[in-house]
């Protein structure tokens, strides 16, 4: 992978009614970066990740992923970037409980990857997160922590350049949290970048850079 900047966000601000959640934020993620987003509950950590991934538009500022303006690009280009470049790990796991683990992972179809190659990626990803041999299990029978690990396995299958992870180790035991960090570390070591919203001391220590969301004044 090249050394180009994967993510550059400049002058970001976000207002809710008369309240400013955060303002004048700058985030730069180069290959191998691990960046932590910190802030008190309700300060907009999830919102920031959604803005960085093009799912939500900031009130101010610009977000570029591989040089592409995420909010000015045509919808088709935005979909391409989210399919091929950006991967998400959400707090609610985004796992369909009626589907098998394998089905939940096969929703990721990277361009140019054959069905056989996809199955190889799925098996390898599940081994990394400690769920090897669970492919046929109905996802609804997994614990919440196991579903979170399925979500991490999904980005390992996708192999995006940029991962945006929202509290990926919240409520996990130490062993499961370590599995999640191992998975995210593979993304970083392969030349990708990881941005995580977290309060987890171990995950904070794993990150090399922090973005602190501090309380803002009321919008005039």
Protein backbone atom coordinates (compact mmCIF):
# COMPACT_ATOMS: atom_id res chain seq x y z
CA UNK A 1 0.00 0.00 0.00
CA UNK A 2 1.13 3.57 -0.64
CA UNK A 3 1.91 6.18 2.00
CA UNK A 4 -0.88 8.50 0.90
CA UNK A 5 -3.11 10.08 3.53
CA UNK A 6 -6.16 7.87 3.96
CA UNK A 7 -8.30 10.33 5.88
CA UNK A 8 -8.05 14.10 6.27
CA UNK A 9 -10.74 16.04 8.11
CA UNK A 10 -10.31 19.78 8.53
CA UNK A 11 -12.25 22.34 10.55
CA UNK A 12 -15.04 19.97 11.51
CA UNK A 13 -17.87 21.29 13.66
CA UNK A 14 -21.25 19.87 14.55
CA UNK A 15 -24.23 21.70 16.04
CA UNK A 16 -27.42 20.26 17.53
CA UNK A 17 -30.02 23.01 17.89
CA UNK A 18 -28.26 25.65 20.03
CA UNK A 19 -25.49 23.34 21.22
CA UNK A 20 -22.12 22.76 19.60
CA UNK A 21 -20.94 19.19 20.18
CA UNK A 22 -17.44 19.86 18.83
CA UNK A 23 -15.75 22.47 16.71
CA UNK A 24 -12.61 23.04 14.60
CA UNK A 25 -11.54 19.39 14.72
CA UNK A 26 -8.70 18.18 12.55
CA UNK A 27 -8.09 14.46 12.01
CA UNK A 28 -5.37 13.01 9.78
CA UNK A 29 -4.96 9.25 9.36
CA UNK A 30 -2.02 7.89 7.40
CA UNK A 31 -1.32 4.19 6.78
CA UNK A 32 -0.76 2.21 10.01
CA UNK A 33 -2.42 4.92 12.14
CA UNK A 34 -4.43 4.09 15.26
CA UNK A 35 -6.41 7.07 16.51
CA UNK A 36 -8.62 7.20 19.60
CA UNK A 37 -11.61 9.51 19.91
CA UNK A 38 -12.31 10.44 23.54
CA UNK A 39 -15.13 12.39 25.10
CA UNK A 40 -17.81 12.23 27.75
CA UNK A 41 -21.11 10.52 27.02
CA UNK A 42 -23.23 12.65 24.72
CA UNK A 43 -20.29 14.60 23.34
CA UNK A 44 -20.76 13.22 19.83
CA UNK A 45 -18.15 10.47 19.42
CA UNK A 46 -20.50 8.33 17.34
CA UNK A 47 -21.57 11.37 15.34
CA UNK A 48 -17.95 12.18 14.54
CA UNK A 49 -17.32 8.66 13.25
CA UNK A 50 -20.45 8.87 11.11
CA UNK A 51 -19.26 12.18 9.68
CA UNK A 52 -15.81 10.75 8.94
CA UNK A 53 -17.43 7.84 7.10
CA UNK A 54 -19.80 10.01 5.08
CA UNK A 55 -22.95 8.74 6.78
CA UNK A 56 -23.70 12.13 8.30
CA UNK A 57 -22.78 15.66 7.23
CA UNK A 58 -20.92 17.91 9.67
CA UNK A 59 -22.20 21.44 10.21
CA UNK A 60 -18.78 22.81 9.23
CA UNK A 61 -15.61 21.50 7.67
CA UNK A 62 -14.60 18.96 5.08
CA UNK A 63 -13.82 15.22 5.17
CA UNK A 64 -11.62 13.65 2.51
CA UNK A 65 -11.02 9.93 2.16
CA UNK A 66 -8.20 9.13 -0.27
CA UNK A 67 -8.58 12.70 -1.47
CA UNK A 68 -12.31 12.36 -2.15
CA UNK A 69 -14.67 14.82 -0.48
CA UNK A 70 -17.05 12.42 1.30
CA UNK A 71 -19.94 14.85 1.36
CA UNK A 72 -19.57 16.55 -2.01
CA UNK A 73 -19.08 13.33 -3.98
CA UNK A 74 -21.94 11.84 -5.97
CA UNK A 75 -23.92 9.19 -4.13
CA UNK A 76 -22.54 6.46 -6.34
CA UNK A 77 -19.00 7.47 -5.44
CA UNK A 78 -19.91 7.65 -1.74
CA UNK A 79 -21.28 4.10 -1.92
CA UNK A 80 -18.11 2.93 -3.64
CA UNK A 81 -15.92 4.46 -0.95
CA UNK A 82 -17.96 2.88 1.84
CA UNK A 83 -17.87 -0.48 0.06
CA UNK A 84 -14.22 -0.56 -0.91
CA UNK A 85 -12.37 1.86 1.37
CA UNK A 86 -14.23 2.46 4.65
CA UNK A 87 -15.30 -0.22 7.13
CA UNK A 88 -17.53 0.28 10.17
CA UNK A 89 -17.77 -1.50 13.52
CA UNK A 90 -20.89 -0.19 15.24
CA UNK A 91 -22.02 -0.44 18.85
CA UNK A 92 -25.09 -2.47 17.89
CA UNK A 93 -22.91 -4.96 15.93
CA UNK A 94 -25.19 -4.73 12.81
CA UNK A 95 -25.52 -8.52 12.94
CA UNK A 96 -28.70 -10.12 11.56
CA UNK A 97 -29.68 -12.63 14.29
CA UNK A 98 -31.64 -14.91 11.94
CA UNK A 99 -28.62 -15.40 9.68
CA UNK A 100 -25.69 -17.69 10.26
CA UNK A 101 -22.31 -16.20 11.12
CA UNK A 102 -21.15 -17.02 7.60
CA UNK A 103 -24.13 -15.23 6.04
CA UNK A 104 -23.43 -12.14 8.13
CA UNK A 105 -19.86 -12.07 6.87
CA UNK A 106 -20.70 -12.75 3.23
CA UNK A 107 -22.64 -9.47 2.98
CA UNK A 108 -19.20 -7.95 2.46
CA UNK A 109 -18.29 -8.53 -1.19
CA UNK A 110 -15.01 -6.76 -1.97
CA UNK A 111 -14.58 -6.01 -5.64
CA UNK A 112 -12.65 -8.68 -7.53
CA UNK A 113 -12.84 -11.27 -4.73
CA UNK A 114 -14.25 -14.63 -5.81
CA UNK A 115 -16.71 -16.61 -3.72
CA UNK A 116 -13.98 -19.12 -2.90
CA UNK A 117 -11.57 -16.39 -1.84
CA UNK A 118 -14.31 -14.85 0.28
CA UNK A 119 -14.80 -18.12 2.15
CA UNK A 120 -11.06 -18.31 2.83
CA UNK A 121 -11.13 -14.78 4.24
CA UNK A 122 -14.14 -15.64 6.40
CA UNK A 123 -12.47 -18.69 7.92
CA UNK A 124 -9.26 -16.75 8.62
CA UNK A 125 -11.12 -13.77 10.13
CA UNK A 126 -13.12 -15.97 12.49
CA UNK A 127 -9.93 -17.63 13.69
CA UNK A 128 -8.44 -14.23 14.49
CA UNK A 129 -11.42 -13.19 16.63
CA UNK A 130 -11.70 -16.57 18.35
CA UNK A 131 -14.83 -17.81 16.58
CA UNK A 132 -13.31 -20.47 14.38
CA UNK A 133 -15.74 -23.26 13.53
CA UNK A 134 -18.82 -21.10 14.24
CA UNK A 135 -19.65 -20.28 10.61
CA UNK A 136 -22.92 -22.21 10.50
CA UNK A 137 -24.16 -21.10 13.91
CA UNK A 138 -27.17 -18.81 13.96
CA UNK A 139 -25.89 -15.42 15.00
CA UNK A 140 -28.80 -14.81 17.38
CA UNK A 141 -27.48 -17.62 19.58
CA UNK A 142 -24.19 -15.82 20.12
CA UNK A 143 -23.56 -13.62 23.13
CA UNK A 144 -23.33 -9.87 22.69
CA UNK A 145 -19.56 -10.04 22.96
CA UNK A 146 -19.40 -12.76 20.32
CA UNK A 147 -21.60 -10.70 18.00
CA UNK A 148 -19.19 -7.81 18.46
CA UNK A 149 -16.36 -10.08 17.38
CA UNK A 150 -18.40 -11.05 14.30
CA UNK A 151 -18.58 -7.33 13.49
CA UNK A 152 -14.79 -7.09 13.72
CA UNK A 153 -14.43 -10.24 11.60
CA UNK A 154 -16.59 -8.56 8.97
CA UNK A 155 -14.08 -5.71 8.48
CA UNK A 156 -11.27 -8.28 8.35
CA UNK A 157 -13.12 -9.95 5.48
CA UNK A 158 -13.75 -6.59 3.82
CA UNK A 159 -10.11 -5.46 4.26
CA UNK A 160 -10.87 -1.73 4.00
CA UNK A 161 -8.21 0.97 4.05
CA UNK A 162 -9.95 2.81 6.90
CA UNK A 163 -11.87 1.32 9.85
CA UNK A 164 -14.17 3.45 12.01
CA UNK A 165 -14.98 1.53 15.20
CA UNK A 166 -17.47 2.73 17.81
CA UNK A 167 -16.70 1.38 21.29
CA UNK A 168 -15.57 -1.97 19.82
CA UNK A 169 -14.50 -3.42 23.18
CA UNK A 170 -17.31 -2.04 25.36
CA UNK A 171 -18.61 -4.59 27.87
CA UNK A 172 -16.22 -7.30 26.65
CA UNK A 173 -14.14 -9.45 28.95
CA UNK A 174 -10.37 -9.13 28.77
CA UNK A 175 -9.91 -12.11 26.45
CA UNK A 176 -12.60 -10.97 24.00
CA UNK A 177 -11.30 -7.39 24.05
CA UNK A 178 -7.82 -8.68 23.22
CA UNK A 179 -9.27 -10.61 20.27
CA UNK A 180 -10.88 -7.42 18.99
CA UNK A 181 -7.59 -5.51 19.32
CA UNK A 182 -5.82 -8.30 17.46
CA UNK A 183 -8.31 -7.96 14.62
CA UNK A 184 -7.95 -4.19 14.44
CA UNK A 185 -4.18 -4.56 14.61
CA UNK A 186 -4.22 -6.66 11.45
CA UNK A 187 -5.91 -3.80 9.60
CA UNK A 188 -3.31 -1.34 10.86
CA UNK A 189 -0.33 -3.62 10.21
CA UNK A 190 -1.50 -4.20 6.63
CA UNK A 191 -1.29 -0.47 5.94
CA UNK A 192 -4.78 0.59 6.87
CA UNK A 193 -5.82 3.09 9.52
CA UNK A 194 -8.14 2.65 12.49
CA UNK A 195 -10.14 5.36 14.25
CA UNK A 196 -11.89 4.19 17.42
CA UNK A 197 -14.26 5.88 19.84
CA UNK A 198 -13.43 4.31 23.17
CA UNK A 199 -13.05 4.60 26.93
CA UNK A 200 -11.12 1.31 27.15
CA UNK A 201 -7.69 1.97 28.76
CA UNK A 202 -6.10 -0.91 26.86
CA UNK A 203 -7.42 0.30 23.52
CA UNK A 204 -6.42 3.87 24.35
CA UNK A 205 -2.89 2.65 25.06
CA UNK A 206 -2.89 0.77 21.74
CA UNK A 207 -3.67 3.99 19.87
CA UNK A 208 -0.80 6.33 19.05
CA UNK A 209 -2.92 9.49 18.71
CA UNK A 210 -5.98 10.88 20.49
CA UNK A 211 -8.72 13.29 19.44
CA UNK A 212 -10.34 14.79 22.53
CA UNK A 213 -13.90 16.09 22.24
CA UNK A 214 -14.28 18.85 24.81
CA UNK A 215 -17.55 20.56 25.81
CA UNK A 216 -18.31 23.58 23.65
CA UNK A 217 -20.18 26.81 24.20
CA UNK A 218 -23.74 27.39 23.07
CA UNK A 219 -24.18 28.46 19.46
CA UNK A 220 -25.05 32.15 19.19
